[in-house]
């Protein structure tokens, strides 16, 4: 089912024009240049943790102090790195993506909306 357009909605051709525009291509390129390497880095870190847990039990069970061992620190590091990556992305996006996306939104929708 197709939805009936409402007054003030941009035409579908506008979206196609934006998708093919150099500004949109640049916005996608910026996004990918950040997200793909960061995702690769995080996945490498995660798989290192999984592989060490599976194949380096002696190392991972090494006690650091009390009941705290290397595996626990690596596991907590997964949470810390997830939050750190999120904070880094939000700051980067605020500076690199949001201004360009806002400019494109204003061009599509008009500044009065």
C-alpha atoms as a PDB file:
ATOM      1  CA  UNK A   1       0.000   0.000   0.000  1.00  0.00           C
ATOM      2  CA  UNK A   2       1.223   3.450  -0.782  1.00  0.00           C
ATOM      3  CA  UNK A   3       0.697   6.227   1.682  1.00  0.00           C
ATOM      4  CA  UNK A   4      -1.124   9.345   0.539  1.00  0.00           C
ATOM      5  CA  UNK A   5       1.229  12.336   0.486  1.00  0.00           C
ATOM      6  CA  UNK A   6       0.414  15.126   2.915  1.00  0.00           C
ATOM      7  CA  UNK A   7       0.695  18.832   2.280  1.00  0.00           C
ATOM      8  CA  UNK A   8       4.272  19.990   2.760  1.00  0.00           C
ATOM      9  CA  UNK A   9       5.809  16.548   2.255  1.00  0.00           C
ATOM     10  CA  UNK A  10       8.750  16.548  -0.159  1.00  0.00           C
ATOM     11  CA  UNK A  11       8.149  14.691  -3.399  1.00  0.00           C
ATOM     12  CA  UNK A  12       9.750  11.282  -3.854  1.00  0.00           C
ATOM     13  CA  UNK A  13      11.882  12.688  -6.652  1.00  0.00           C
ATOM     14  CA  UNK A  14      13.447  15.007  -4.071  1.00  0.00           C
ATOM     15  CA  UNK A  15      14.706  12.012  -2.109  1.00  0.00           C
ATOM     16  CA  UNK A  16      16.122  10.423  -5.241  1.00  0.00           C
ATOM     17  CA  UNK A  17      17.830  13.691  -6.152  1.00  0.00           C
ATOM     18  CA  UNK A  18      19.328  13.919  -2.655  1.00  0.00           C
ATOM     19  CA  UNK A  19      20.503  10.318  -2.779  1.00  0.00           C
ATOM     20  CA  UNK A  20      22.325  11.012  -6.035  1.00  0.00           C
ATOM     21  CA  UNK A  21      23.760  14.356  -4.889  1.00  0.00           C
ATOM     22  CA  UNK A  22      27.486  14.830  -4.176  1.00  0.00           C
ATOM     23  CA  UNK A  23      26.681  16.216  -0.700  1.00  0.00           C
ATOM     24  CA  UNK A  24      24.867  13.028   0.278  1.00  0.00           C
ATOM     25  CA  UNK A  25      27.668  10.897  -1.144  1.00  0.00           C
ATOM     26  CA  UNK A  26      30.164  12.879   0.938  1.00  0.00           C
ATOM     27  CA  UNK A  27      28.014  12.421   4.047  1.00  0.00           C
ATOM     28  CA  UNK A  28      27.888   8.663   3.488  1.00  0.00           C
ATOM     29  CA  UNK A  29      31.648   8.569   2.850  1.00  0.00           C
ATOM     30  CA  UNK A  30      32.365  10.382   6.129  1.00  0.00           C
ATOM     31  CA  UNK A  31      30.058   8.024   8.006  1.00  0.00           C
ATOM     32  CA  UNK A  32      31.656   4.921   6.511  1.00  0.00           C
ATOM     33  CA  UNK A  33      35.200   6.170   7.072  1.00  0.00           C
ATOM     34  CA  UNK A  34      34.461   6.336  10.787  1.00  0.00           C
ATOM     35  CA  UNK A  35      32.068   3.444  11.356  1.00  0.00           C
ATOM     36  CA  UNK A  36      33.755   0.672   9.370  1.00  0.00           C
ATOM     37  CA  UNK A  37      37.219   1.009  10.966  1.00  0.00           C
ATOM     38  CA  UNK A  38      35.700   1.461  14.430  1.00  0.00           C
ATOM     39  CA  UNK A  39      33.533  -1.615  13.939  1.00  0.00           C
ATOM     40  CA  UNK A  40      36.537  -3.611  12.743  1.00  0.00           C
ATOM     41  CA  UNK A  41      38.567  -2.490  15.738  1.00  0.00           C
ATOM     42  CA  UNK A  42      35.822  -3.421  18.169  1.00  0.00           C
ATOM     43  CA  UNK A  43      35.235  -6.820  16.540  1.00  0.00           C
ATOM     44  CA  UNK A  44      38.972  -7.586  16.641  1.00  0.00           C
ATOM     45  CA  UNK A  45      39.022  -6.676  20.351  1.00  0.00           C
ATOM     46  CA  UNK A  46      35.920  -8.800  21.001  1.00  0.00           C
ATOM     47  CA  UNK A  47      37.242 -11.848  19.118  1.00  0.00           C
ATOM     48  CA  UNK A  48      40.588 -11.527  20.893  1.00  0.00           C
ATOM     49  CA  UNK A  49      38.684 -11.773  24.174  1.00  0.00           C
ATOM     50  CA  UNK A  50      36.696 -14.801  22.976  1.00  0.00           C
ATOM     51  CA  UNK A  51      39.767 -16.574  21.586  1.00  0.00           C
ATOM     52  CA  UNK A  52      41.807 -15.922  24.711  1.00  0.00           C
ATOM     53  CA  UNK A  53      38.944 -17.195  26.867  1.00  0.00           C
ATOM     54  CA  UNK A  54      38.776 -20.364  24.804  1.00  0.00           C
ATOM     55  CA  UNK A  55      42.437 -21.106  24.069  1.00  0.00           C
ATOM     56  CA  UNK A  56      44.421 -19.298  26.769  1.00  0.00           C
ATOM     57  CA  UNK A  57      42.657 -20.443  29.908  1.00  0.00           C
ATOM     58  CA  UNK A  58      45.838 -20.312  31.970  1.00  0.00           C
ATOM     59  CA  UNK A  59      46.464 -16.685  31.042  1.00  0.00           C
ATOM     60  CA  UNK A  60      42.848 -15.630  31.492  1.00  0.00           C
ATOM     61  CA  UNK A  61      42.587 -17.332  34.884  1.00  0.00           C
ATOM     62  CA  UNK A  62      45.697 -15.559  36.199  1.00  0.00           C
ATOM     63  CA  UNK A  63      44.676 -13.759  39.397  1.00  0.00           C
ATOM     64  CA  UNK A  64      45.364 -10.054  39.596  1.00  0.00           C
ATOM     65  CA  UNK A  65      44.147  -9.633  43.155  1.00  0.00           C
ATOM     66  CA  UNK A  66      41.542 -11.377  45.297  1.00  0.00           C
ATOM     67  CA  UNK A  67      38.887 -12.874  43.044  1.00  0.00           C
ATOM     68  CA  UNK A  68      39.795 -10.598  40.137  1.00  0.00           C
ATOM     69  CA  UNK A  69      41.476 -12.331  37.213  1.00  0.00           C
ATOM     70  CA  UNK A  70      42.532 -11.330  33.692  1.00  0.00           C
ATOM     71  CA  UNK A  71      39.297 -12.670  32.153  1.00  0.00           C
ATOM     72  CA  UNK A  72      37.183 -10.481  34.405  1.00  0.00           C
ATOM     73  CA  UNK A  73      39.210  -7.416  33.449  1.00  0.00           C
ATOM     74  CA  UNK A  74      38.895  -8.267  29.748  1.00  0.00           C
ATOM     75  CA  UNK A  75      35.139  -8.753  30.165  1.00  0.00           C
ATOM     76  CA  UNK A  76      34.736  -5.424  31.938  1.00  0.00           C
ATOM     77  CA  UNK A  77      36.925  -3.896  29.245  1.00  0.00           C
ATOM     78  CA  UNK A  78      34.304  -4.944  26.694  1.00  0.00           C
ATOM     79  CA  UNK A  79      31.716  -2.805  28.465  1.00  0.00           C
ATOM     80  CA  UNK A  80      34.106   0.098  28.897  1.00  0.00           C
ATOM     81  CA  UNK A  81      35.131   0.005  25.231  1.00  0.00           C
ATOM     82  CA  UNK A  82      31.491  -0.107  24.109  1.00  0.00           C
ATOM     83  CA  UNK A  83      30.665   3.025  26.095  1.00  0.00           C
ATOM     84  CA  UNK A  84      33.877   4.722  24.959  1.00  0.00           C
ATOM     85  CA  UNK A  85      33.140   4.007  21.298  1.00  0.00           C
ATOM     86  CA  UNK A  86      29.618   5.365  21.753  1.00  0.00           C
ATOM     87  CA  UNK A  87      30.896   8.582  23.337  1.00  0.00           C
ATOM     88  CA  UNK A  88      33.545   8.996  20.639  1.00  0.00           C
ATOM     89  CA  UNK A  89      30.954   8.462  17.910  1.00  0.00           C
ATOM     90  CA  UNK A  90      28.507  10.966  19.409  1.00  0.00           C
ATOM     91  CA  UNK A  91      31.184  13.658  19.666  1.00  0.00           C
ATOM     92  CA  UNK A  92      32.467  12.919  16.165  1.00  0.00           C
ATOM     93  CA  UNK A  93      28.969  12.897  14.717  1.00  0.00           C
ATOM     94  CA  UNK A  94      28.109  16.208  16.385  1.00  0.00           C
ATOM     95  CA  UNK A  95      31.073  17.812  14.625  1.00  0.00           C
ATOM     96  CA  UNK A  96      31.310  15.909  11.333  1.00  0.00           C
ATOM     97  CA  UNK A  97      27.896  14.545  10.359  1.00  0.00           C
ATOM     98  CA  UNK A  98      25.151  16.524  12.035  1.00  0.00           C
ATOM     99  CA  UNK A  99      25.897  19.940  10.488  1.00  0.00           C
ATOM    100  CA  UNK A 100      25.960  18.488   6.964  1.00  0.00           C
ATOM    101  CA  UNK A 101      22.852  16.369   7.601  1.00  0.00           C
ATOM    102  CA  UNK A 102      21.005  19.384   9.000  1.00  0.00           C
ATOM    103  CA  UNK A 103      21.951  21.427   5.941  1.00  0.00           C
ATOM    104  CA  UNK A 104      20.613  18.694   3.667  1.00  0.00           C
ATOM    105  CA  UNK A 105      17.418  18.403   5.726  1.00  0.00           C
ATOM    106  CA  UNK A 106      16.815  22.130   5.408  1.00  0.00           C
ATOM    107  CA  UNK A 107      17.321  21.950   1.653  1.00  0.00           C
ATOM    108  CA  UNK A 108      14.821  19.086   1.359  1.00  0.00           C
ATOM    109  CA  UNK A 109      12.158  20.250   3.793  1.00  0.00           C
ATOM    110  CA  UNK A 110      12.691  23.965   3.729  1.00  0.00           C
ATOM    111  CA  UNK A 111      13.902  26.062   6.645  1.00  0.00           C
ATOM    112  CA  UNK A 112      10.430  26.843   7.998  1.00  0.00           C
ATOM    113  CA  UNK A 113       9.610  23.249   9.027  1.00  0.00           C
END
